[in-house]
């Protein structure tokens, strides 16, 4: 693990200090009035910057409207404290408000939450995602006395077997949801089709994460999955255009479909919007398949 942030501009260092303060204050507020011992004794153990800002290859492209996130691993002392709705939603909302205001924060923030035991178990299982965090990550905050475990890399044969299993399972599942979505689209069920396309996209992203890192974030948040997947596989940035009003509206309808297409009477999606989404899902499917097959071929050659 690293501790220095000197490769970051001063403005970025100030932003990260604000984010750390916000996460710590939000967690303290979330557990302040808890009476159950496992919550009252909850501890925030580490905040680790990983991804492009840790490596030094972040992107800020105003023309293409693509900006790298601050990717942060938040480590707590037990799994119950990773529940986003219970402990972290207010913090995430505060950071979004700060981003919208554009004064103390101008860079998007993506947070993932794990217990120390969970991270250490994944390191012992050779999960590339956490091994890369251990190698490249920058510690922004930590309580003393809580160390990460030594990673135990998988053999090439084990990695190939697990990777192939994940691809076979998740790519098939994603494709099945895409097929169901097209059927609903054809049969005049636009809300159902939108929800099923959301499920297909979510599963294609999870497939990519699992094949490339043997890990996937526990999230239905399409923005978060999209941003993390595009950092992992930059070719995916072209799947969802961020400039045109129609394209942005269609993506927003897909993003919101997980909840609103099922429960909100006001949710409406037109045939043209659904057709555009269907086309982009096909593009995503092809790119994910190509990226996953390339990863499997690399492991086959190395095994």
C-alpha atoms as a PDB file:
ATOM      1  CA  UNK A   1       0.000   0.000   0.000  1.00  0.00           C
ATOM      2  CA  UNK A   2       1.056   3.581  -0.677  1.00  0.00           C
ATOM      3  CA  UNK A   3       0.532   6.619   1.523  1.00  0.00           C
ATOM      4  CA  UNK A   4       1.676   9.516  -0.681  1.00  0.00           C
ATOM      5  CA  UNK A   5      -0.609  11.780  -2.732  1.00  0.00           C
ATOM      6  CA  UNK A   6       2.124  13.982  -4.155  1.00  0.00           C
ATOM      7  CA  UNK A   7       1.372  12.872  -7.730  1.00  0.00           C
ATOM      8  CA  UNK A   8      -2.048  14.550  -7.442  1.00  0.00           C
ATOM      9  CA  UNK A   9      -2.583  18.278  -8.047  1.00  0.00           C
ATOM     10  CA  UNK A  10      -3.201  20.322  -4.920  1.00  0.00           C
ATOM     11  CA  UNK A  11      -6.859  20.825  -5.845  1.00  0.00           C
ATOM     12  CA  UNK A  12      -7.394  17.068  -6.045  1.00  0.00           C
ATOM     13  CA  UNK A  13      -5.710  16.584  -2.674  1.00  0.00           C
ATOM     14  CA  UNK A  14      -8.068  19.143  -1.136  1.00  0.00           C
ATOM     15  CA  UNK A  15     -11.066  17.401  -2.678  1.00  0.00           C
ATOM     16  CA  UNK A  16      -9.988  14.031  -1.331  1.00  0.00           C
ATOM     17  CA  UNK A  17      -9.453  15.482   2.137  1.00  0.00           C
ATOM     18  CA  UNK A  18     -13.030  16.800   1.985  1.00  0.00           C
ATOM     19  CA  UNK A  19     -14.337  13.415   0.831  1.00  0.00           C
ATOM     20  CA  UNK A  20     -12.531  11.626   3.681  1.00  0.00           C
ATOM     21  CA  UNK A  21     -13.919  14.090   6.223  1.00  0.00           C
ATOM     22  CA  UNK A  22     -17.426  13.655   4.786  1.00  0.00           C
ATOM     23  CA  UNK A  23     -17.252   9.844   4.852  1.00  0.00           C
ATOM     24  CA  UNK A  24     -15.948   9.808   8.438  1.00  0.00           C
ATOM     25  CA  UNK A  25     -18.533  12.323   9.656  1.00  0.00           C
ATOM     26  CA  UNK A  26     -21.336  10.494   7.852  1.00  0.00           C
ATOM     27  CA  UNK A  27     -20.398   7.176   9.395  1.00  0.00           C
ATOM     28  CA  UNK A  28     -20.130   8.691  12.870  1.00  0.00           C
ATOM     29  CA  UNK A  29     -23.607  10.203  12.467  1.00  0.00           C
ATOM     30  CA  UNK A  30     -25.035   6.911  11.162  1.00  0.00           C
ATOM     31  CA  UNK A  31     -23.981   4.935  14.243  1.00  0.00           C
ATOM     32  CA  UNK A  32     -24.305   7.689  16.860  1.00  0.00           C
ATOM     33  CA  UNK A  33     -27.745   6.700  18.134  1.00  0.00           C
ATOM     34  CA  UNK A  34     -27.570   2.950  17.600  1.00  0.00           C
ATOM     35  CA  UNK A  35     -28.317   0.835  20.645  1.00  0.00           C
ATOM     36  CA  UNK A  36     -27.334  -2.626  19.404  1.00  0.00           C
ATOM     37  CA  UNK A  37     -23.757  -3.453  20.454  1.00  0.00           C
ATOM     38  CA  UNK A  38     -22.592  -4.540  16.989  1.00  0.00           C
ATOM     39  CA  UNK A  39     -23.579  -1.121  15.648  1.00  0.00           C
ATOM     40  CA  UNK A  40     -22.558   0.951  18.662  1.00  0.00           C
ATOM     41  CA  UNK A  41     -19.082  -0.606  18.501  1.00  0.00           C
ATOM     42  CA  UNK A  42     -18.815  -0.102  14.759  1.00  0.00           C
ATOM     43  CA  UNK A  43     -15.526   1.272  13.461  1.00  0.00           C
ATOM     44  CA  UNK A  44     -14.389   2.784  10.209  1.00  0.00           C
ATOM     45  CA  UNK A  45     -10.962   1.206   9.766  1.00  0.00           C
ATOM     46  CA  UNK A  46      -9.615   2.397   6.417  1.00  0.00           C
ATOM     47  CA  UNK A  47     -10.355   4.598   3.423  1.00  0.00           C
ATOM     48  CA  UNK A  48      -8.235   3.639   0.415  1.00  0.00           C
ATOM     49  CA  UNK A  49      -8.019   5.420  -2.934  1.00  0.00           C
ATOM     50  CA  UNK A  50      -7.688   2.986  -5.835  1.00  0.00           C
ATOM     51  CA  UNK A  51      -8.138   3.045  -9.607  1.00  0.00           C
ATOM     52  CA  UNK A  52      -7.015   5.783 -11.977  1.00  0.00           C
ATOM     53  CA  UNK A  53      -6.366   8.495  -9.379  1.00  0.00           C
ATOM     54  CA  UNK A  54      -4.179   6.115  -7.386  1.00  0.00           C
ATOM     55  CA  UNK A  55      -2.304   4.996 -10.493  1.00  0.00           C
ATOM     56  CA  UNK A  56      -2.010   8.499 -11.949  1.00  0.00           C
ATOM     57  CA  UNK A  57      -3.818   7.840 -15.255  1.00  0.00           C
ATOM     58  CA  UNK A  58      -7.153   9.565 -14.593  1.00  0.00           C
ATOM     59  CA  UNK A  59      -9.107  11.206 -17.426  1.00  0.00           C
ATOM     60  CA  UNK A  60     -10.814  14.590 -17.543  1.00  0.00           C
ATOM     61  CA  UNK A  61     -12.385  15.081 -20.977  1.00  0.00           C
ATOM     62  CA  UNK A  62     -14.902  17.963 -21.061  1.00  0.00           C
ATOM     63  CA  UNK A  63     -15.444  17.557 -24.817  1.00  0.00           C
ATOM     64  CA  UNK A  64     -16.346  13.876 -24.598  1.00  0.00           C
ATOM     65  CA  UNK A  65     -17.966  14.448 -21.199  1.00  0.00           C
ATOM     66  CA  UNK A  66     -15.973  11.692 -19.548  1.00  0.00           C
ATOM     67  CA  UNK A  67     -14.430  12.226 -16.119  1.00  0.00           C
ATOM     68  CA  UNK A  68     -12.731   9.596 -13.975  1.00  0.00           C
ATOM     69  CA  UNK A  69     -14.188   9.052 -10.499  1.00  0.00           C
ATOM     70  CA  UNK A  70     -12.393   8.966  -7.216  1.00  0.00           C
ATOM     71  CA  UNK A  71     -12.653   5.233  -6.450  1.00  0.00           C
ATOM     72  CA  UNK A  72     -12.599   4.609  -2.711  1.00  0.00           C
ATOM     73  CA  UNK A  73     -12.616   1.384  -0.709  1.00  0.00           C
ATOM     74  CA  UNK A  74     -14.204   1.964   2.702  1.00  0.00           C
ATOM     75  CA  UNK A  75     -13.273  -0.738   5.218  1.00  0.00           C
ATOM     76  CA  UNK A  76     -15.279  -1.287   8.416  1.00  0.00           C
ATOM     77  CA  UNK A  77     -15.008  -3.800  11.234  1.00  0.00           C
ATOM     78  CA  UNK A  78     -17.965  -6.036  10.360  1.00  0.00           C
ATOM     79  CA  UNK A  79     -20.266  -6.855   7.461  1.00  0.00           C
ATOM     80  CA  UNK A  80     -23.442  -5.369   8.929  1.00  0.00           C
ATOM     81  CA  UNK A  81     -21.917  -1.913   8.541  1.00  0.00           C
ATOM     82  CA  UNK A  82     -21.651  -2.267   4.755  1.00  0.00           C
ATOM     83  CA  UNK A  83     -25.413  -1.866   4.288  1.00  0.00           C
ATOM     84  CA  UNK A  84     -25.612   1.204   2.044  1.00  0.00           C
ATOM     85  CA  UNK A  85     -29.177   2.222   2.859  1.00  0.00           C
ATOM     86  CA  UNK A  86     -28.572   1.938   6.604  1.00  0.00           C
ATOM     87  CA  UNK A  87     -25.170   3.567   6.967  1.00  0.00           C
ATOM     88  CA  UNK A  88     -23.983   5.251   3.773  1.00  0.00           C
ATOM     89  CA  UNK A  89     -26.870   6.662   1.764  1.00  0.00           C
ATOM     90  CA  UNK A  90     -26.828  10.023   3.568  1.00  0.00           C
ATOM     91  CA  UNK A  91     -23.078  10.311   2.966  1.00  0.00           C
ATOM     92  CA  UNK A  92     -23.433   9.508  -0.732  1.00  0.00           C
ATOM     93  CA  UNK A  93     -26.249  12.049  -1.040  1.00  0.00           C
ATOM     94  CA  UNK A  94     -24.082  14.675   0.654  1.00  0.00           C
ATOM     95  CA  UNK A  95     -21.233  14.019  -1.782  1.00  0.00           C
ATOM     96  CA  UNK A  96     -23.633  14.241  -4.747  1.00  0.00           C
ATOM     97  CA  UNK A  97     -24.920  17.571  -3.421  1.00  0.00           C
ATOM     98  CA  UNK A  98     -21.343  18.810  -3.052  1.00  0.00           C
ATOM     99  CA  UNK A  99     -20.577  17.691  -6.611  1.00  0.00           C
ATOM    100  CA  UNK A 100     -23.655  19.506  -7.937  1.00  0.00           C
ATOM    101  CA  UNK A 101     -22.694  22.687  -6.068  1.00  0.00           C
ATOM    102  CA  UNK A 102     -19.205  22.501  -7.568  1.00  0.00           C
ATOM    103  CA  UNK A 103     -17.401  24.407  -4.812  1.00  0.00           C
ATOM    104  CA  UNK A 104     -15.610  21.903  -2.564  1.00  0.00           C
ATOM    105  CA  UNK A 105     -15.993  18.930  -4.927  1.00  0.00           C
ATOM    106  CA  UNK A 106     -15.819  18.788  -8.721  1.00  0.00           C
ATOM    107  CA  UNK A 107     -14.880  15.145  -9.226  1.00  0.00           C
ATOM    108  CA  UNK A 108     -17.404  12.261  -8.971  1.00  0.00           C
ATOM    109  CA  UNK A 109     -16.920   9.841  -6.090  1.00  0.00           C
ATOM    110  CA  UNK A 110     -17.519   6.090  -6.259  1.00  0.00           C
ATOM    111  CA  UNK A 111     -17.515   4.247  -2.912  1.00  0.00           C
ATOM    112  CA  UNK A 112     -17.457   0.532  -2.199  1.00  0.00           C
ATOM    113  CA  UNK A 113     -17.854  -0.908   1.305  1.00  0.00           C
ATOM    114  CA  UNK A 114     -16.330  -4.075   2.751  1.00  0.00           C
ATOM    115  CA  UNK A 115     -15.484  -5.434   6.159  1.00  0.00           C
ATOM    116  CA  UNK A 116     -11.818  -6.085   6.949  1.00  0.00           C
ATOM    117  CA  UNK A 117     -12.548  -9.812   7.257  1.00  0.00           C
ATOM    118  CA  UNK A 118     -14.159  -9.803   3.806  1.00  0.00           C
ATOM    119  CA  UNK A 119     -11.239  -8.002   2.168  1.00  0.00           C
ATOM    120  CA  UNK A 120      -8.740 -10.329   3.828  1.00  0.00           C
ATOM    121  CA  UNK A 121     -10.706 -13.389   2.743  1.00  0.00           C
ATOM    122  CA  UNK A 122     -10.674 -12.143  -0.852  1.00  0.00           C
ATOM    123  CA  UNK A 123      -6.935 -11.519  -0.649  1.00  0.00           C
ATOM    124  CA  UNK A 124      -6.425 -15.089   0.576  1.00  0.00           C
ATOM    125  CA  UNK A 125      -8.570 -16.318  -2.337  1.00  0.00           C
ATOM    126  CA  UNK A 126      -6.384 -14.462  -4.839  1.00  0.00           C
ATOM    127  CA  UNK A 127      -9.046 -12.009  -6.057  1.00  0.00           C
ATOM    128  CA  UNK A 128      -7.252  -9.740  -8.515  1.00  0.00           C
ATOM    129  CA  UNK A 129      -9.365  -6.687  -7.721  1.00  0.00           C
ATOM    130  CA  UNK A 130      -8.283  -6.564  -4.088  1.00  0.00           C
ATOM    131  CA  UNK A 131      -4.731  -7.595  -4.883  1.00  0.00           C
ATOM    132  CA  UNK A 132      -4.489  -4.604  -7.245  1.00  0.00           C
ATOM    133  CA  UNK A 133      -5.834  -2.319  -4.516  1.00  0.00           C
ATOM    134  CA  UNK A 134      -3.175  -3.656  -2.173  1.00  0.00           C
ATOM    135  CA  UNK A 135      -0.508  -3.052  -4.820  1.00  0.00           C
ATOM    136  CA  UNK A 136      -1.558   0.348  -6.164  1.00  0.00           C
ATOM    137  CA  UNK A 137      -3.916   1.807  -3.550  1.00  0.00           C
ATOM    138  CA  UNK A 138      -3.220   4.917  -1.486  1.00  0.00           C
ATOM    139  CA  UNK A 139      -4.274   4.989   2.157  1.00  0.00           C
ATOM    140  CA  UNK A 140      -6.198   8.197   2.875  1.00  0.00           C
ATOM    141  CA  UNK A 141      -7.227   7.251   6.406  1.00  0.00           C
ATOM    142  CA  UNK A 142      -6.661   4.274   8.683  1.00  0.00           C
ATOM    143  CA  UNK A 143      -6.947   3.217  12.283  1.00  0.00           C
ATOM    144  CA  UNK A 144      -3.713   1.639  13.544  1.00  0.00           C
ATOM    145  CA  UNK A 145      -3.555  -2.071  14.227  1.00  0.00           C
ATOM    146  CA  UNK A 146      -5.810  -3.371  11.424  1.00  0.00           C
ATOM    147  CA  UNK A 147      -3.677  -4.869   8.673  1.00  0.00           C
ATOM    148  CA  UNK A 148      -4.616  -6.405   5.369  1.00  0.00           C
ATOM    149  CA  UNK A 149      -3.702 -10.068   4.912  1.00  0.00           C
ATOM    150  CA  UNK A 150      -0.907 -11.256   2.654  1.00  0.00           C
ATOM    151  CA  UNK A 151      -2.442 -12.143  -0.726  1.00  0.00           C
ATOM    152  CA  UNK A 152      -2.252 -15.723  -1.982  1.00  0.00           C
ATOM    153  CA  UNK A 153      -2.213 -15.630  -5.794  1.00  0.00           C
ATOM    154  CA  UNK A 154      -4.191 -18.263  -7.662  1.00  0.00           C
ATOM    155  CA  UNK A 155      -2.442 -20.677  -9.959  1.00  0.00           C
ATOM    156  CA  UNK A 156      -3.093 -20.063 -13.655  1.00  0.00           C
ATOM    157  CA  UNK A 157      -5.132 -23.267 -13.794  1.00  0.00           C
ATOM    158  CA  UNK A 158      -7.356 -22.182 -10.885  1.00  0.00           C
ATOM    159  CA  UNK A 159      -7.775 -18.713 -12.366  1.00  0.00           C
ATOM    160  CA  UNK A 160      -8.742 -20.147 -15.756  1.00  0.00           C
ATOM    161  CA  UNK A 161     -11.267 -22.533 -14.238  1.00  0.00           C
ATOM    162  CA  UNK A 162     -12.973 -19.859 -12.140  1.00  0.00           C
ATOM    163  CA  UNK A 163     -12.905 -17.319 -14.963  1.00  0.00           C
ATOM    164  CA  UNK A 164     -14.450 -19.729 -17.458  1.00  0.00           C
ATOM    165  CA  UNK A 165     -17.167 -20.708 -14.973  1.00  0.00           C
ATOM    166  CA  UNK A 166     -18.065 -17.076 -14.324  1.00  0.00           C
ATOM    167  CA  UNK A 167     -18.223 -16.320 -18.043  1.00  0.00           C
ATOM    168  CA  UNK A 168     -20.368 -19.351 -18.844  1.00  0.00           C
ATOM    169  CA  UNK A 169     -22.822 -18.520 -16.068  1.00  0.00           C
ATOM    170  CA  UNK A 170     -23.097 -14.725 -16.199  1.00  0.00           C
ATOM    171  CA  UNK A 171     -22.895 -14.150 -19.948  1.00  0.00           C
ATOM    172  CA  UNK A 172     -25.627 -16.717 -20.518  1.00  0.00           C
ATOM    173  CA  UNK A 173     -27.773 -15.146 -17.787  1.00  0.00           C
ATOM    174  CA  UNK A 174     -27.326 -11.648 -19.253  1.00  0.00           C
ATOM    175  CA  UNK A 175     -28.150 -12.887 -22.753  1.00  0.00           C
ATOM    176  CA  UNK A 176     -31.260 -14.652 -21.462  1.00  0.00           C
ATOM    177  CA  UNK A 177     -32.525 -11.413 -19.906  1.00  0.00           C
ATOM    178  CA  UNK A 178     -31.812  -9.592 -23.164  1.00  0.00           C
ATOM    179  CA  UNK A 179     -33.872 -12.203 -25.030  1.00  0.00           C
ATOM    180  CA  UNK A 180     -36.742 -11.816 -22.569  1.00  0.00           C
ATOM    181  CA  UNK A 181     -36.544  -8.024 -22.913  1.00  0.00           C
ATOM    182  CA  UNK A 182     -36.815  -8.237 -26.702  1.00  0.00           C
ATOM    183  CA  UNK A 183     -39.822 -10.539 -26.348  1.00  0.00           C
ATOM    184  CA  UNK A 184     -41.528  -8.059 -24.012  1.00  0.00           C
ATOM    185  CA  UNK A 185     -40.646  -5.244 -26.406  1.00  0.00           C
ATOM    186  CA  UNK A 186     -42.199  -7.130 -29.333  1.00  0.00           C
ATOM    187  CA  UNK A 187     -45.327  -8.011 -27.354  1.00  0.00           C
ATOM    188  CA  UNK A 188     -46.176  -4.461 -26.309  1.00  0.00           C
ATOM    189  CA  UNK A 189     -44.916  -4.577 -22.712  1.00  0.00           C
ATOM    190  CA  UNK A 190     -42.585  -1.550 -22.597  1.00  0.00           C
ATOM    191  CA  UNK A 191     -42.184  -1.282 -18.810  1.00  0.00           C
ATOM    192  CA  UNK A 192     -41.368  -4.959 -18.481  1.00  0.00           C
ATOM    193  CA  UNK A 193     -38.958  -4.674 -21.420  1.00  0.00           C
ATOM    194  CA  UNK A 194     -37.163  -1.708 -19.816  1.00  0.00           C
ATOM    195  CA  UNK A 195     -36.745  -3.586 -16.530  1.00  0.00           C
ATOM    196  CA  UNK A 196     -35.456  -6.686 -18.311  1.00  0.00           C
ATOM    197  CA  UNK A 197     -32.986  -4.636 -20.370  1.00  0.00           C
ATOM    198  CA  UNK A 198     -31.743  -3.130 -17.091  1.00  0.00           C
ATOM    199  CA  UNK A 199     -31.196  -6.641 -15.748  1.00  0.00           C
ATOM    200  CA  UNK A 200     -29.348  -7.661 -18.901  1.00  0.00           C
ATOM    201  CA  UNK A 201     -27.036  -4.634 -18.703  1.00  0.00           C
ATOM    202  CA  UNK A 202     -26.399  -5.195 -15.007  1.00  0.00           C
ATOM    203  CA  UNK A 203     -25.462  -8.815 -15.668  1.00  0.00           C
ATOM    204  CA  UNK A 204     -23.205  -7.978 -18.612  1.00  0.00           C
ATOM    205  CA  UNK A 205     -21.290  -5.607 -16.325  1.00  0.00           C
ATOM    206  CA  UNK A 206     -21.083  -8.185 -13.534  1.00  0.00           C
ATOM    207  CA  UNK A 207     -19.859 -10.733 -16.080  1.00  0.00           C
ATOM    208  CA  UNK A 208     -17.037  -8.401 -17.093  1.00  0.00           C
ATOM    209  CA  UNK A 209     -16.017  -7.719 -13.485  1.00  0.00           C
ATOM    210  CA  UNK A 210     -16.011 -11.395 -12.570  1.00  0.00           C
ATOM    211  CA  UNK A 211     -14.062 -12.489 -15.628  1.00  0.00           C
ATOM    212  CA  UNK A 212     -11.472  -9.744 -15.362  1.00  0.00           C
ATOM    213  CA  UNK A 213     -11.100  -9.521 -11.559  1.00  0.00           C
ATOM    214  CA  UNK A 214     -12.914 -12.548 -10.034  1.00  0.00           C
ATOM    215  CA  UNK A 215     -14.980  -9.998  -8.074  1.00  0.00           C
ATOM    216  CA  UNK A 216     -18.048  -7.885  -8.696  1.00  0.00           C
ATOM    217  CA  UNK A 217     -19.556  -4.963  -6.743  1.00  0.00           C
ATOM    218  CA  UNK A 218     -22.736  -5.642  -4.771  1.00  0.00           C
ATOM    219  CA  UNK A 219     -24.806  -3.019  -6.530  1.00  0.00           C
ATOM    220  CA  UNK A 220     -27.835  -2.514  -8.764  1.00  0.00           C
ATOM    221  CA  UNK A 221     -26.788   1.107  -9.327  1.00  0.00           C
ATOM    222  CA  UNK A 222     -26.263   1.291 -13.075  1.00  0.00           C
ATOM    223  CA  UNK A 223     -24.245   4.521 -12.914  1.00  0.00           C
ATOM    224  CA  UNK A 224     -21.801   2.939 -10.510  1.00  0.00           C
ATOM    225  CA  UNK A 225     -21.535  -0.285 -12.506  1.00  0.00           C
ATOM    226  CA  UNK A 226     -21.115   1.641 -15.760  1.00  0.00           C
ATOM    227  CA  UNK A 227     -18.382   3.914 -14.403  1.00  0.00           C
ATOM    228  CA  UNK A 228     -16.418   1.051 -12.844  1.00  0.00           C
ATOM    229  CA  UNK A 229     -16.775  -1.103 -15.961  1.00  0.00           C
ATOM    230  CA  UNK A 230     -15.628   1.716 -18.241  1.00  0.00           C
ATOM    231  CA  UNK A 231     -12.521   2.231 -16.139  1.00  0.00           C
ATOM    232  CA  UNK A 232     -11.816  -1.498 -16.299  1.00  0.00           C
ATOM    233  CA  UNK A 233     -12.530  -1.703 -20.050  1.00  0.00           C
ATOM    234  CA  UNK A 234     -12.277   1.738 -21.750  1.00  0.00           C
ATOM    235  CA  UNK A 235     -13.890   0.505 -25.001  1.00  0.00           C
ATOM    236  CA  UNK A 236     -17.202   0.473 -23.114  1.00  0.00           C
ATOM    237  CA  UNK A 237     -17.208   4.294 -22.927  1.00  0.00           C
ATOM    238  CA  UNK A 238     -18.778   4.363 -26.398  1.00  0.00           C
ATOM    239  CA  UNK A 239     -21.801   2.267 -25.378  1.00  0.00           C
ATOM    240  CA  UNK A 240     -23.766   5.089 -23.728  1.00  0.00           C
ATOM    241  CA  UNK A 241     -23.249   8.476 -25.451  1.00  0.00           C
ATOM    242  CA  UNK A 242     -23.305  11.338 -22.954  1.00  0.00           C
ATOM    243  CA  UNK A 243     -23.959  14.314 -25.247  1.00  0.00           C
ATOM    244  CA  UNK A 244     -27.328  14.139 -27.048  1.00  0.00           C
ATOM    245  CA  UNK A 245     -30.518  14.928 -25.134  1.00  0.00           C
ATOM    246  CA  UNK A 246     -32.354  11.889 -26.540  1.00  0.00           C
ATOM    247  CA  UNK A 247     -29.494   9.525 -25.696  1.00  0.00           C
ATOM    248  CA  UNK A 248     -29.188  10.874 -22.150  1.00  0.00           C
ATOM    249  CA  UNK A 249     -32.928  10.528 -21.610  1.00  0.00           C
ATOM    250  CA  UNK A 250     -32.902   6.933 -22.859  1.00  0.00           C
ATOM    251  CA  UNK A 251     -30.049   6.005 -20.532  1.00  0.00           C
ATOM    252  CA  UNK A 252     -31.853   7.672 -17.615  1.00  0.00           C
ATOM    253  CA  UNK A 253     -34.973   5.621 -18.391  1.00  0.00           C
ATOM    254  CA  UNK A 254     -32.895   2.434 -18.408  1.00  0.00           C
ATOM    255  CA  UNK A 255     -31.111   3.406 -15.189  1.00  0.00           C
ATOM    256  CA  UNK A 256     -34.404   4.132 -13.416  1.00  0.00           C
ATOM    257  CA  UNK A 257     -36.155   1.028 -14.720  1.00  0.00           C
ATOM    258  CA  UNK A 258     -34.875  -1.182 -11.902  1.00  0.00           C
ATOM    259  CA  UNK A 259     -37.373   0.468  -9.535  1.00  0.00           C
ATOM    260  CA  UNK A 260     -39.648   2.779 -11.497  1.00  0.00           C
ATOM    261  CA  UNK A 261     -40.587   0.422 -14.337  1.00  0.00           C
ATOM    262  CA  UNK A 262     -41.919  -1.988 -11.725  1.00  0.00           C
ATOM    263  CA  UNK A 263     -43.487   0.338  -9.178  1.00  0.00           C
ATOM    264  CA  UNK A 264     -44.017   3.882 -10.500  1.00  0.00           C
ATOM    265  CA  UNK A 265     -47.301   4.463 -12.415  1.00  0.00           C
ATOM    266  CA  UNK A 266     -45.741   7.623 -13.907  1.00  0.00           C
ATOM    267  CA  UNK A 267     -42.934   5.698 -15.640  1.00  0.00           C
ATOM    268  CA  UNK A 268     -43.304   5.949 -19.418  1.00  0.00           C
ATOM    269  CA  UNK A 269     -41.007   4.815 -22.203  1.00  0.00           C
ATOM    270  CA  UNK A 270     -41.702   5.127 -25.935  1.00  0.00           C
ATOM    271  CA  UNK A 271     -41.088   2.568 -28.654  1.00  0.00           C
ATOM    272  CA  UNK A 272     -38.272   4.706 -30.093  1.00  0.00           C
ATOM    273  CA  UNK A 273     -36.582   5.011 -26.706  1.00  0.00           C
ATOM    274  CA  UNK A 274     -36.857   1.288 -26.116  1.00  0.00           C
ATOM    275  CA  UNK A 275     -35.496   0.529 -29.588  1.00  0.00           C
ATOM    276  CA  UNK A 276     -32.469   2.752 -28.948  1.00  0.00           C
ATOM    277  CA  UNK A 277     -31.812   1.008 -25.628  1.00  0.00           C
ATOM    278  CA  UNK A 278     -32.097  -2.404 -27.299  1.00  0.00           C
ATOM    279  CA  UNK A 279     -29.490  -1.405 -29.859  1.00  0.00           C
ATOM    280  CA  UNK A 280     -27.054  -0.169 -27.242  1.00  0.00           C
ATOM    281  CA  UNK A 281     -27.485  -3.345 -25.181  1.00  0.00           C
ATOM    282  CA  UNK A 282     -26.451  -5.325 -28.256  1.00  0.00           C
ATOM    283  CA  UNK A 283     -23.326  -3.175 -28.551  1.00  0.00           C
ATOM    284  CA  UNK A 284     -22.568  -3.759 -24.858  1.00  0.00           C
ATOM    285  CA  UNK A 285     -23.093  -7.504 -25.271  1.00  0.00           C
ATOM    286  CA  UNK A 286     -20.598  -7.704 -28.157  1.00  0.00           C
ATOM    287  CA  UNK A 287     -17.938  -5.643 -26.369  1.00  0.00           C
ATOM    288  CA  UNK A 288     -18.255  -7.578 -23.111  1.00  0.00           C
ATOM    289  CA  UNK A 289     -18.074 -10.892 -24.956  1.00  0.00           C
ATOM    290  CA  UNK A 290     -14.941  -9.770 -26.815  1.00  0.00           C
ATOM    291  CA  UNK A 291     -13.240  -8.496 -23.628  1.00  0.00           C
ATOM    292  CA  UNK A 292     -14.085 -11.662 -21.698  1.00  0.00           C
ATOM    293  CA  UNK A 293     -12.940 -13.994 -24.466  1.00  0.00           C
ATOM    294  CA  UNK A 294      -9.656 -12.081 -24.720  1.00  0.00           C
ATOM    295  CA  UNK A 295      -9.108 -12.530 -20.980  1.00  0.00           C
ATOM    296  CA  UNK A 296      -9.845 -16.262 -21.182  1.00  0.00           C
ATOM    297  CA  UNK A 297      -7.490 -16.654 -24.148  1.00  0.00           C
ATOM    298  CA  UNK A 298      -4.720 -14.951 -22.153  1.00  0.00           C
ATOM    299  CA  UNK A 299      -5.223 -17.393 -19.301  1.00  0.00           C
ATOM    300  CA  UNK A 300      -5.290 -20.378 -21.659  1.00  0.00           C
ATOM    301  CA  UNK A 301      -1.951 -19.323 -23.154  1.00  0.00           C
ATOM    302  CA  UNK A 302      -0.451 -18.826 -19.703  1.00  0.00           C
ATOM    303  CA  UNK A 303      -1.803 -22.028 -18.137  1.00  0.00           C
END
